[in-house]
Amino acid sequence: MSVVSKEFIVINELGLHVRPAGTLVKLANKFKSHISIQRDDDTIDAKSIMGVMMLGASKGTVLQVKAEGEDAEDAMASIQSLFESGFGELEASADTAGGQV
């Protein structure tokens, strides 16, 4: 069984509000591995929308993500891409600003 752990910083302006939290949960549920997210002393199941929402992760929040299981490395790579893309909201904010970055 593989175990992978990485630290991520929430970079999108609105943090992990409903839409990105749902995107993260949907992605986590595609994998067999157990995926947890830790913020300070709180650890939640990344496959639970309520858990992810309860993190209250705003922009700049540091989260520790841990994946344990046969597809842990693939899960972490996908989660990393999601965080790095700002949950798809970085492009959206540029669009609403008239395309200026």
C-alpha atoms as a PDB file:
ATOM      1  CA  MET A   1       0.000   0.000   0.000  1.00  0.00           C
ATOM      2  CA  SER A   2       1.324   3.392  -1.000  1.00  0.00           C
ATOM      3  CA  VAL A   3       1.149   6.483   1.219  1.00  0.00           C
ATOM      4  CA  VAL A   4       1.683   9.967  -0.213  1.00  0.00           C
ATOM      5  CA  SER A   5       1.450  13.259   1.665  1.00  0.00           C
ATOM      6  CA  LYS A   6       1.726  16.825   0.337  1.00  0.00           C
ATOM      7  CA  GLU A   7       1.101  20.345   1.525  1.00  0.00           C
ATOM      8  CA  PHE A   8      -1.015  22.704  -0.556  1.00  0.00           C
ATOM      9  CA  ILE A   9      -1.954  26.368  -0.288  1.00  0.00           C
ATOM     10  CA  VAL A  10      -5.435  27.425  -1.381  1.00  0.00           C
ATOM     11  CA  ILE A  11      -4.781  30.030  -4.109  1.00  0.00           C
ATOM     12  CA  ASN A  12      -8.220  30.846  -5.492  1.00  0.00           C
ATOM     13  CA  GLU A  13      -9.786  34.094  -4.244  1.00  0.00           C
ATOM     14  CA  LEU A  14     -12.867  32.578  -2.599  1.00  0.00           C
ATOM     15  CA  GLY A  15     -11.137  29.568  -1.039  1.00  0.00           C
ATOM     16  CA  LEU A  16     -12.856  26.189  -0.789  1.00  0.00           C
ATOM     17  CA  HIS A  17     -16.435  27.406  -1.087  1.00  0.00           C
ATOM     18  CA  VAL A  18     -19.184  25.065  -2.318  1.00  0.00           C
ATOM     19  CA  ARG A  19     -18.158  24.656  -5.972  1.00  0.00           C
ATOM     20  CA  PRO A  20     -14.439  23.906  -5.500  1.00  0.00           C
ATOM     21  CA  ALA A  21     -15.175  21.798  -2.426  1.00  0.00           C
ATOM     22  CA  GLY A  22     -17.607  19.737  -4.506  1.00  0.00           C
ATOM     23  CA  THR A  23     -15.039  19.419  -7.281  1.00  0.00           C
ATOM     24  CA  LEU A  24     -12.441  18.179  -4.787  1.00  0.00           C
ATOM     25  CA  VAL A  25     -14.854  15.657  -3.242  1.00  0.00           C
ATOM     26  CA  LYS A  26     -15.935  14.379  -6.658  1.00  0.00           C
ATOM     27  CA  LEU A  27     -12.280  13.941  -7.658  1.00  0.00           C
ATOM     28  CA  ALA A  28     -11.363  12.189  -4.384  1.00  0.00           C
ATOM     29  CA  ASN A  29     -14.243   9.753  -4.833  1.00  0.00           C
ATOM     30  CA  LYS A  30     -12.798   8.567  -8.151  1.00  0.00           C
ATOM     31  CA  PHE A  31      -9.965   6.870  -6.270  1.00  0.00           C
ATOM     32  CA  LYS A  32      -9.920   3.760  -4.089  1.00  0.00           C
ATOM     33  CA  SER A  33      -7.367   5.276  -1.715  1.00  0.00           C
ATOM     34  CA  HIS A  34      -8.363   6.869   1.576  1.00  0.00           C
ATOM     35  CA  ILE A  35      -7.710  10.592   1.190  1.00  0.00           C
ATOM     36  CA  SER A  36      -7.610  12.901   4.184  1.00  0.00           C
ATOM     37  CA  ILE A  37      -7.070  16.629   4.543  1.00  0.00           C
ATOM     38  CA  GLN A  38      -5.614  18.237   7.633  1.00  0.00           C
ATOM     39  CA  ARG A  39      -5.823  21.874   8.670  1.00  0.00           C
ATOM     40  CA  ASP A  40      -4.176  22.646  11.982  1.00  0.00           C
ATOM     41  CA  ASP A  41      -5.563  19.988  14.371  1.00  0.00           C
ATOM     42  CA  ASP A  42      -8.589  19.064  12.234  1.00  0.00           C
ATOM     43  CA  THR A  43      -8.420  16.087   9.869  1.00  0.00           C
ATOM     44  CA  ILE A  44     -11.311  15.263   7.554  1.00  0.00           C
ATOM     45  CA  ASP A  45     -12.188  12.698   4.887  1.00  0.00           C
ATOM     46  CA  ALA A  46     -11.696  14.334   1.464  1.00  0.00           C
ATOM     47  CA  LYS A  47     -14.600  12.271   0.141  1.00  0.00           C
ATOM     48  CA  SER A  48     -17.050  14.117   2.421  1.00  0.00           C
ATOM     49  CA  ILE A  49     -18.490  17.444   1.244  1.00  0.00           C
ATOM     50  CA  MET A  50     -19.446  18.350   4.816  1.00  0.00           C
ATOM     51  CA  GLY A  51     -15.926  17.629   6.012  1.00  0.00           C
ATOM     52  CA  VAL A  52     -14.309  19.728   3.296  1.00  0.00           C
ATOM     53  CA  MET A  53     -16.719  22.616   3.912  1.00  0.00           C
ATOM     54  CA  MET A  54     -16.072  22.480   7.665  1.00  0.00           C
ATOM     55  CA  LEU A  55     -12.368  23.161   7.053  1.00  0.00           C
ATOM     56  CA  GLY A  56     -13.278  26.770   6.296  1.00  0.00           C
ATOM     57  CA  ALA A  57     -10.281  26.996   3.955  1.00  0.00           C
ATOM     58  CA  SER A  58      -9.989  30.549   2.644  1.00  0.00           C
ATOM     59  CA  LYS A  59      -7.353  31.879   0.272  1.00  0.00           C
ATOM     60  CA  GLY A  60      -3.879  31.323   1.729  1.00  0.00           C
ATOM     61  CA  THR A  61      -4.908  28.407   3.942  1.00  0.00           C
ATOM     62  CA  VAL A  62      -2.281  25.662   4.158  1.00  0.00           C
ATOM     63  CA  LEU A  63      -3.687  22.135   3.925  1.00  0.00           C
ATOM     64  CA  GLN A  64      -1.905  18.807   4.350  1.00  0.00           C
ATOM     65  CA  VAL A  65      -3.348  16.151   2.020  1.00  0.00           C
ATOM     66  CA  LYS A  66      -2.610  12.466   2.586  1.00  0.00           C
ATOM     67  CA  ALA A  67      -3.564   9.580   0.294  1.00  0.00           C
ATOM     68  CA  GLU A  68      -3.239   5.945   1.367  1.00  0.00           C
ATOM     69  CA  GLY A  69      -3.917   3.044  -0.972  1.00  0.00           C
ATOM     70  CA  GLU A  70      -3.118   1.344  -4.235  1.00  0.00           C
ATOM     71  CA  ASP A  71      -3.790   4.439  -6.351  1.00  0.00           C
ATOM     72  CA  ALA A  72      -2.467   7.021  -3.858  1.00  0.00           C
ATOM     73  CA  GLU A  73       0.138   8.483  -6.209  1.00  0.00           C
ATOM     74  CA  ASP A  74      -2.389   8.974  -9.018  1.00  0.00           C
ATOM     75  CA  ALA A  75      -4.847  10.505  -6.554  1.00  0.00           C
ATOM     76  CA  MET A  76      -2.236  12.946  -5.256  1.00  0.00           C
ATOM     77  CA  ALA A  77      -1.185  13.953  -8.775  1.00  0.00           C
ATOM     78  CA  SER A  78      -4.803  14.732  -9.662  1.00  0.00           C
ATOM     79  CA  ILE A  79      -5.377  16.650  -6.434  1.00  0.00           C
ATOM     80  CA  GLN A  80      -2.174  18.616  -6.984  1.00  0.00           C
ATOM     81  CA  SER A  81      -3.348  19.633 -10.464  1.00  0.00           C
ATOM     82  CA  LEU A  82      -6.678  20.745  -9.021  1.00  0.00           C
ATOM     83  CA  PHE A  83      -5.038  22.916  -6.341  1.00  0.00           C
ATOM     84  CA  GLU A  84      -2.521  24.380  -8.813  1.00  0.00           C
ATOM     85  CA  SER A  85      -5.322  25.359 -11.191  1.00  0.00           C
ATOM     86  CA  GLY A  86      -7.106  27.243  -8.403  1.00  0.00           C
ATOM     87  CA  PHE A  87      -9.999  24.795  -8.870  1.00  0.00           C
ATOM     88  CA  GLY A  88     -10.566  26.286 -12.309  1.00  0.00           C
ATOM     89  CA  GLU A  89     -11.396  29.663 -10.805  1.00  0.00           C
ATOM     90  CA  LEU A  90      -8.202  31.496 -11.749  1.00  0.00           C
ATOM     91  CA  GLU A  91      -9.247  31.617 -15.415  1.00  0.00           C
ATOM     92  CA  ALA A  92     -12.799  32.585 -14.441  1.00  0.00           C
ATOM     93  CA  SER A  93     -11.621  35.582 -12.427  1.00  0.00           C
ATOM     94  CA  ALA A  94      -9.504  36.738 -15.388  1.00  0.00           C
ATOM     95  CA  ASP A  95     -12.579  36.455 -17.637  1.00  0.00           C
ATOM     96  CA  THR A  96     -14.686  38.605 -15.330  1.00  0.00           C
ATOM     97  CA  ALA A  97     -11.923  41.224 -15.193  1.00  0.00           C
ATOM     98  CA  GLY A  98     -12.188  41.785 -18.921  1.00  0.00           C
ATOM     99  CA  GLY A  99      -9.385  39.333 -19.618  1.00  0.00           C
ATOM    100  CA  GLN A 100      -6.763  41.413 -17.827  1.00  0.00           C
ATOM    101  CA  VAL A 101      -4.413  39.652 -15.470  1.00  0.00           C
END
